[in-house]
Amino acid sequence: MADDGSGGGFISVLQNGVKALNNVAVTIGKVFPAASGTATSATAGSATLPANPAGFIVVTLPSGTSAKVPYYND
């Protein structure tokens, strides 16, 4: 688009940049679930975990279900 001196070209480029950043944010949110809190205990599951997790990171899965992931001290 040619710039006629009114700033319309710059505004169009700026709007496209904002749209691109919003699309990146949405994609990142789908790929990497967000941590939504921590907990000191969790229930259910059949795997045996190493002893004494320091706590659990609560993540929201793409399905909308929350899951607790253990974390450990060094």
PDB file of N, CA and C in Angstrom:
ATOM      1  N   MET A   1       0.847  -1.183   0.000  1.00  0.00           N
ATOM      2  CA  MET A   1       0.000   0.000   0.000  1.00  0.00           C
ATOM      3  C   MET A   1       0.882   1.232   0.000  1.00  0.00           C
ATOM      4  N   ALA A   2       0.651   2.128  -0.882  1.00  0.00           N
ATOM      5  CA  ALA A   2       1.432   3.353  -0.983  1.00  0.00           C
ATOM      6  C   ALA A   2       1.027   4.312   0.121  1.00  0.00           C
ATOM      7  N   ASP A   3       2.011   5.019   0.649  1.00  0.00           N
ATOM      8  CA  ASP A   3       1.746   5.986   1.705  1.00  0.00           C
ATOM      9  C   ASP A   3       1.474   7.336   1.057  1.00  0.00           C
ATOM     10  N   ASP A   4       0.305   7.875   1.291  1.00  0.00           N
ATOM     11  CA  ASP A   4      -0.069   9.160   0.698  1.00  0.00           C
ATOM     12  C   ASP A   4       0.317  10.339   1.591  1.00  0.00           C
ATOM     13  N   GLY A   5       1.077  10.058   2.652  1.00  0.00           N
ATOM     14  CA  GLY A   5       1.499  11.125   3.558  1.00  0.00           C
ATOM     15  C   GLY A   5       0.562  11.328   4.722  1.00  0.00           C
ATOM     16  N   SER A   6      -0.567  10.646   4.736  1.00  0.00           N
ATOM     17  CA  SER A   6      -1.535  10.827   5.820  1.00  0.00           C
ATOM     18  C   SER A   6      -1.257   9.898   6.996  1.00  0.00           C
ATOM     19  N   GLY A   7      -0.281   9.010   6.860  1.00  0.00           N
ATOM     20  CA  GLY A   7       0.017   8.079   7.941  1.00  0.00           C
ATOM     21  C   GLY A   7      -0.754   6.779   7.848  1.00  0.00           C
ATOM     22  N   GLY A   8      -1.599   6.640   6.829  1.00  0.00           N
ATOM     23  CA  GLY A   8      -2.408   5.425   6.686  1.00  0.00           C
ATOM     24  C   GLY A   8      -1.573   4.179   6.487  1.00  0.00           C
ATOM     25  N   GLY A   9      -0.459   4.293   5.759  1.00  0.00           N
ATOM     26  CA  GLY A   9       0.419   3.142   5.551  1.00  0.00           C
ATOM     27  C   GLY A   9       1.028   2.668   6.857  1.00  0.00           C
ATOM     28  N   PHE A  10       1.479   3.602   7.673  1.00  0.00           N
ATOM     29  CA  PHE A  10       2.074   3.267   8.958  1.00  0.00           C
ATOM     30  C   PHE A  10       1.045   2.607   9.869  1.00  0.00           C
ATOM     31  N   ILE A  11      -0.144   3.143   9.908  1.00  0.00           N
ATOM     32  CA  ILE A  11      -1.203   2.591  10.751  1.00  0.00           C
ATOM     33  C   ILE A  11      -1.551   1.172  10.319  1.00  0.00           C
ATOM     34  N   SER A  12      -1.612   0.937   9.016  1.00  0.00           N
ATOM     35  CA  SER A  12      -1.906  -0.395   8.510  1.00  0.00           C
ATOM     36  C   SER A  12      -0.822  -1.392   8.922  1.00  0.00           C
ATOM     37  N   VAL A  13       0.440  -0.973   8.795  1.00  0.00           N
ATOM     38  CA  VAL A  13       1.550  -1.845   9.206  1.00  0.00           C
ATOM     39  C   VAL A  13       1.482  -2.110  10.703  1.00  0.00           C
ATOM     40  N   LEU A  14       1.195  -1.104  11.482  1.00  0.00           N
ATOM     41  CA  LEU A  14       1.085  -1.250  12.931  1.00  0.00           C
ATOM     42  C   LEU A  14      -0.049  -2.201  13.305  1.00  0.00           C
ATOM     43  N   GLN A  15      -1.196  -2.066  12.657  1.00  0.00           N
ATOM     44  CA  GLN A  15      -2.329  -2.951  12.923  1.00  0.00           C
ATOM     45  C   GLN A  15      -1.985  -4.396  12.573  1.00  0.00           C
ATOM     46  N   ASN A  16      -1.291  -4.605  11.454  1.00  0.00           N
ATOM     47  CA  ASN A  16      -0.888  -5.957  11.071  1.00  0.00           C
ATOM     48  C   ASN A  16       0.092  -6.539  12.083  1.00  0.00           C
ATOM     49  N   GLY A  17       0.977  -5.703  12.612  1.00  0.00           N
ATOM     50  CA  GLY A  17       1.913  -6.158  13.636  1.00  0.00           C
ATOM     51  C   GLY A  17       1.207  -6.576  14.908  1.00  0.00           C
ATOM     52  N   VAL A  18       0.205  -5.816  15.322  1.00  0.00           N
ATOM     53  CA  VAL A  18      -0.568  -6.150  16.519  1.00  0.00           C
ATOM     54  C   VAL A  18      -1.321  -7.464  16.305  1.00  0.00           C
ATOM     55  N   LYS A  19      -1.916  -7.646  15.139  1.00  0.00           N
ATOM     56  CA  LYS A  19      -2.619  -8.893  14.840  1.00  0.00           C
ATOM     57  C   LYS A  19      -1.660 -10.082  14.885  1.00  0.00           C
ATOM     58  N   ALA A  20      -0.454  -9.904  14.327  1.00  0.00           N
ATOM     59  CA  ALA A  20       0.533 -10.986  14.329  1.00  0.00           C
ATOM     60  C   ALA A  20       0.942 -11.342  15.754  1.00  0.00           C
ATOM     61  N   LEU A  21       1.170 -10.338  16.600  1.00  0.00           N
ATOM     62  CA  LEU A  21       1.533 -10.609  17.997  1.00  0.00           C
ATOM     63  C   LEU A  21       0.407 -11.313  18.740  1.00  0.00           C
ATOM     64  N   ASN A  22      -0.824 -10.922  18.495  1.00  0.00           N
ATOM     65  CA  ASN A  22      -1.956 -11.595  19.125  1.00  0.00           C
ATOM     66  C   ASN A  22      -2.029 -13.057  18.688  1.00  0.00           C
ATOM     67  N   ASN A  23      -1.780 -13.321  17.400  1.00  0.00           N
ATOM     68  CA  ASN A  23      -1.795 -14.700  16.906  1.00  0.00           C
ATOM     69  C   ASN A  23      -0.692 -15.526  17.557  1.00  0.00           C
ATOM     70  N   VAL A  24       0.480 -14.938  17.752  1.00  0.00           N
ATOM     71  CA  VAL A  24       1.576 -15.645  18.421  1.00  0.00           C
ATOM     72  C   VAL A  24       1.184 -15.962  19.861  1.00  0.00           C
ATOM     73  N   ALA A  25       0.590 -15.015  20.550  1.00  0.00           N
ATOM     74  CA  ALA A  25       0.182 -15.229  21.940  1.00  0.00           C
ATOM     75  C   ALA A  25      -0.829 -16.359  22.043  1.00  0.00           C
ATOM     76  N   VAL A  26      -1.779 -16.412  21.140  1.00  0.00           N
ATOM     77  CA  VAL A  26      -2.788 -17.473  21.140  1.00  0.00           C
ATOM     78  C   VAL A  26      -2.128 -18.824  20.889  1.00  0.00           C
ATOM     79  N   THR A  27      -1.218 -18.881  19.928  1.00  0.00           N
ATOM     80  CA  THR A  27      -0.532 -20.132  19.605  1.00  0.00           C
ATOM     81  C   THR A  27       0.314 -20.612  20.775  1.00  0.00           C
ATOM     82  N   ILE A  28       1.049 -19.714  21.397  1.00  0.00           N
ATOM     83  CA  ILE A  28       1.873 -20.090  22.548  1.00  0.00           C
ATOM     84  C   ILE A  28       0.986 -20.618  23.674  1.00  0.00           C
ATOM     85  N   GLY A  29      -0.151 -19.985  23.889  1.00  0.00           N
ATOM     86  CA  GLY A  29      -1.073 -20.447  24.918  1.00  0.00           C
ATOM     87  C   GLY A  29      -1.609 -21.842  24.656  1.00  0.00           C
ATOM     88  N   LYS A  30      -1.750 -22.217  23.393  1.00  0.00           N
ATOM     89  CA  LYS A  30      -2.223 -23.557  23.049  1.00  0.00           C
ATOM     90  C   LYS A  30      -1.117 -24.592  23.180  1.00  0.00           C
ATOM     91  N   VAL A  31       0.117 -24.201  22.881  1.00  0.00           N
ATOM     92  CA  VAL A  31       1.239 -25.138  22.912  1.00  0.00           C
ATOM     93  C   VAL A  31       1.741 -25.365  24.337  1.00  0.00           C
ATOM     94  N   PHE A  32       1.839 -24.294  25.124  1.00  0.00           N
ATOM     95  CA  PHE A  32       2.365 -24.381  26.477  1.00  0.00           C
ATOM     96  C   PHE A  32       1.243 -24.082  27.471  1.00  0.00           C
ATOM     97  N   PRO A  33       0.793 -25.088  28.216  1.00  0.00           N
ATOM     98  CA  PRO A  33      -0.269 -24.820  29.200  1.00  0.00           C
ATOM     99  C   PRO A  33       0.237 -23.882  30.295  1.00  0.00           C
ATOM    100  N   ALA A  34      -0.645 -23.075  30.800  1.00  0.00           N
ATOM    101  CA  ALA A  34      -0.267 -22.084  31.805  1.00  0.00           C
ATOM    102  C   ALA A  34      -0.311 -22.685  33.202  1.00  0.00           C
ATOM    103  N   ALA A  35       0.705 -22.389  34.001  1.00  0.00           N
ATOM    104  CA  ALA A  35       0.674 -22.773  35.405  1.00  0.00           C
ATOM    105  C   ALA A  35      -0.365 -21.889  36.091  1.00  0.00           C
ATOM    106  N   SER A  36      -1.263 -22.513  36.832  1.00  0.00           N
ATOM    107  CA  SER A  36      -2.332 -21.733  37.449  1.00  0.00           C
ATOM    108  C   SER A  36      -2.273 -21.752  38.968  1.00  0.00           C
ATOM    109  N   GLY A  37      -1.228 -22.331  39.546  1.00  0.00           N
ATOM    110  CA  GLY A  37      -1.102 -22.351  40.992  1.00  0.00           C
ATOM    111  C   GLY A  37      -0.234 -23.512  41.439  1.00  0.00           C
ATOM    112  N   THR A  38      -0.058 -23.642  42.722  1.00  0.00           N
ATOM    113  CA  THR A  38       0.700 -24.757  43.270  1.00  0.00           C
ATOM    114  C   THR A  38      -0.096 -25.421  44.375  1.00  0.00           C
ATOM    115  N   ALA A  39       0.266 -26.674  44.694  1.00  0.00           N
ATOM    116  CA  ALA A  39      -0.393 -27.416  45.760  1.00  0.00           C
ATOM    117  C   ALA A  39       0.653 -28.269  46.458  1.00  0.00           C
ATOM    118  N   THR A  40       0.399 -28.660  47.694  1.00  0.00           N
ATOM    119  CA  THR A  40       1.341 -29.478  48.443  1.00  0.00           C
ATOM    120  C   THR A  40       0.962 -30.955  48.438  1.00  0.00           C
ATOM    121  N   SER A  41      -0.173 -31.305  47.809  1.00  0.00           N
ATOM    122  CA  SER A  41      -0.579 -32.707  47.705  1.00  0.00           C
ATOM    123  C   SER A  41      -1.421 -32.898  46.452  1.00  0.00           C
ATOM    124  N   ALA A  42      -1.542 -34.164  46.044  1.00  0.00           N
ATOM    125  CA  ALA A  42      -2.367 -34.505  44.888  1.00  0.00           C
ATOM    126  C   ALA A  42      -2.952 -35.892  45.118  1.00  0.00           C
ATOM    127  N   THR A  43      -4.052 -36.186  44.455  1.00  0.00           N
ATOM    128  CA  THR A  43      -4.685 -37.492  44.597  1.00  0.00           C
ATOM    129  C   THR A  43      -4.829 -38.151  43.236  1.00  0.00           C
ATOM    130  N   ALA A  44      -5.031 -39.461  43.235  1.00  0.00           N
ATOM    131  CA  ALA A  44      -5.263 -40.285  42.050  1.00  0.00           C
ATOM    132  C   ALA A  44      -3.970 -40.533  41.283  1.00  0.00           C
ATOM    133  N   GLY A  45      -4.062 -41.356  40.258  1.00  0.00           N
ATOM    134  CA  GLY A  45      -2.895 -41.724  39.473  1.00  0.00           C
ATOM    135  C   GLY A  45      -2.296 -43.018  39.974  1.00  0.00           C
ATOM    136  N   SER A  46      -1.627 -43.760  39.078  1.00  0.00           N
ATOM    137  CA  SER A  46      -1.099 -45.061  39.464  1.00  0.00           C
ATOM    138  C   SER A  46       0.421 -45.124  39.451  1.00  0.00           C
ATOM    139  N   ALA A  47       1.115 -44.080  39.018  1.00  0.00           N
ATOM    140  CA  ALA A  47       2.573 -44.099  38.952  1.00  0.00           C
ATOM    141  C   ALA A  47       3.173 -43.865  40.329  1.00  0.00           C
ATOM    142  N   THR A  48       4.299 -44.522  40.601  1.00  0.00           N
ATOM    143  CA  THR A  48       5.018 -44.293  41.844  1.00  0.00           C
ATOM    144  C   THR A  48       6.028 -43.177  41.619  1.00  0.00           C
ATOM    145  N   LEU A  49       5.890 -42.114  42.374  1.00  0.00           N
ATOM    146  CA  LEU A  49       6.776 -40.960  42.239  1.00  0.00           C
ATOM    147  C   LEU A  49       7.930 -41.084  43.222  1.00  0.00           C
ATOM    148  N   PRO A  50       9.047 -40.419  42.931  1.00  0.00           N
ATOM    149  CA  PRO A  50      10.117 -40.373  43.931  1.00  0.00           C
ATOM    150  C   PRO A  50       9.577 -39.771  45.223  1.00  0.00           C
ATOM    151  N   ALA A  51      10.232 -40.114  46.331  1.00  0.00           N
ATOM    152  CA  ALA A  51       9.749 -39.653  47.639  1.00  0.00           C
ATOM    153  C   ALA A  51       9.820 -38.137  47.773  1.00  0.00           C
ATOM    154  N   ASN A  52       8.897 -37.611  48.520  1.00  0.00           N
ATOM    155  CA  ASN A  52       8.900 -36.225  48.995  1.00  0.00           C
ATOM    156  C   ASN A  52       8.983 -35.124  47.942  1.00  0.00           C
ATOM    157  N   PRO A  53       7.991 -34.995  47.075  1.00  0.00           N
ATOM    158  CA  PRO A  53       7.993 -33.809  46.211  1.00  0.00           C
ATOM    159  C   PRO A  53       7.829 -32.566  47.079  1.00  0.00           C
ATOM    160  N   ALA A  54       8.446 -31.471  46.657  1.00  0.00           N
ATOM    161  CA  ALA A  54       8.330 -30.216  47.398  1.00  0.00           C
ATOM    162  C   ALA A  54       6.930 -29.636  47.254  1.00  0.00           C
ATOM    163  N   GLY A  55       6.281 -29.923  46.138  1.00  0.00           N
ATOM    164  CA  GLY A  55       4.932 -29.429  45.886  1.00  0.00           C
ATOM    165  C   GLY A  55       4.505 -29.810  44.488  1.00  0.00           C
ATOM    166  N   PHE A  56       3.438 -29.230  44.038  1.00  0.00           N
ATOM    167  CA  PHE A  56       2.891 -29.546  42.727  1.00  0.00           C
ATOM    168  C   PHE A  56       2.557 -28.261  41.985  1.00  0.00           C
ATOM    169  N   ILE A  57       2.889 -28.217  40.691  1.00  0.00           N
ATOM    170  CA  ILE A  57       2.504 -27.109  39.828  1.00  0.00           C
ATOM    171  C   ILE A  57       1.176 -27.494  39.187  1.00  0.00           C
ATOM    172  N   VAL A  58       0.191 -26.647  39.301  1.00  0.00           N
ATOM    173  CA  VAL A  58      -1.121 -26.910  38.712  1.00  0.00           C
ATOM    174  C   VAL A  58      -1.140 -26.311  37.312  1.00  0.00           C
ATOM    175  N   VAL A  59      -1.376 -27.156  36.294  1.00  0.00           N
ATOM    176  CA  VAL A  59      -1.434 -26.698  34.909  1.00  0.00           C
ATOM    177  C   VAL A  59      -2.816 -26.975  34.346  1.00  0.00           C
ATOM    178  N   THR A  60      -3.232 -26.152  33.403  1.00  0.00           N
ATOM    179  CA  THR A  60      -4.491 -26.358  32.712  1.00  0.00           C
ATOM    180  C   THR A  60      -4.182 -26.982  31.358  1.00  0.00           C
ATOM    181  N   LEU A  61      -4.685 -28.192  31.140  1.00  0.00           N
ATOM    182  CA  LEU A  61      -4.464 -28.908  29.897  1.00  0.00           C
ATOM    183  C   LEU A  61      -5.322 -28.316  28.788  1.00  0.00           C
ATOM    184  N   PRO A  62      -4.969 -28.585  27.513  1.00  0.00           N
ATOM    185  CA  PRO A  62      -5.769 -28.053  26.401  1.00  0.00           C
ATOM    186  C   PRO A  62      -7.252 -28.413  26.492  1.00  0.00           C
ATOM    187  N   SER A  63      -7.567 -29.534  27.152  1.00  0.00           N
ATOM    188  CA  SER A  63      -8.972 -29.939  27.302  1.00  0.00           C
ATOM    189  C   SER A  63      -9.708 -29.098  28.336  1.00  0.00           C
ATOM    190  N   GLY A  64      -8.945 -28.286  29.104  1.00  0.00           N
ATOM    191  CA  GLY A  64      -9.551 -27.486  30.164  1.00  0.00           C
ATOM    192  C   GLY A  64      -9.438 -28.128  31.533  1.00  0.00           C
ATOM    193  N   THR A  65      -8.972 -29.371  31.590  1.00  0.00           N
ATOM    194  CA  THR A  65      -8.807 -30.091  32.843  1.00  0.00           C
ATOM    195  C   THR A  65      -7.539 -29.626  33.541  1.00  0.00           C
ATOM    196  N   SER A  66      -7.584 -29.508  34.857  1.00  0.00           N
ATOM    197  CA  SER A  66      -6.392 -29.166  35.630  1.00  0.00           C
ATOM    198  C   SER A  66      -5.617 -30.425  35.969  1.00  0.00           C
ATOM    199  N   ALA A  67      -4.286 -30.319  35.962  1.00  0.00           N
ATOM    200  CA  ALA A  67      -3.423 -31.439  36.346  1.00  0.00           C
ATOM    201  C   ALA A  67      -2.344 -30.911  37.279  1.00  0.00           C
ATOM    202  N   LYS A  68      -1.915 -31.756  38.220  1.00  0.00           N
ATOM    203  CA  LYS A  68      -0.860 -31.377  39.161  1.00  0.00           C
ATOM    204  C   LYS A  68       0.425 -32.107  38.782  1.00  0.00           C
ATOM    205  N   VAL A  69       1.503 -31.332  38.580  1.00  0.00           N
ATOM    206  CA  VAL A  69       2.796 -31.885  38.198  1.00  0.00           C
ATOM    207  C   VAL A  69       3.745 -31.688  39.382  1.00  0.00           C
ATOM    208  N   PRO A  70       4.360 -32.776  39.886  1.00  0.00           N
ATOM    209  CA  PRO A  70       5.222 -32.618  41.049  1.00  0.00           C
ATOM    210  C   PRO A  70       6.521 -31.898  40.721  1.00  0.00           C
ATOM    211  N   TYR A  71       7.059 -31.164  41.700  1.00  0.00           N
ATOM    212  CA  TYR A  71       8.400 -30.593  41.566  1.00  0.00           C
ATOM    213  C   TYR A  71       9.151 -30.911  42.849  1.00  0.00           C
ATOM    214  N   TYR A  72      10.476 -30.933  42.737  1.00  0.00           N
ATOM    215  CA  TYR A  72      11.323 -31.405  43.821  1.00  0.00           C
ATOM    216  C   TYR A  72      12.396 -30.375  44.142  1.00  0.00           C
ATOM    217  N   ASN A  73      12.823 -30.338  45.404  1.00  0.00           N
ATOM    218  CA  ASN A  73      13.956 -29.506  45.803  1.00  0.00           C
ATOM    219  C   ASN A  73      15.231 -30.137  45.284  1.00  0.00           C
ATOM    220  N   ASP A  74      16.298 -29.349  45.188  1.00  0.00           N
ATOM    221  CA  ASP A  74      17.585 -29.864  44.734  1.00  0.00           C
ATOM    222  C   ASP A  74      18.146 -30.883  45.677  1.00  0.00           C
TER     223      ASP A  74
END
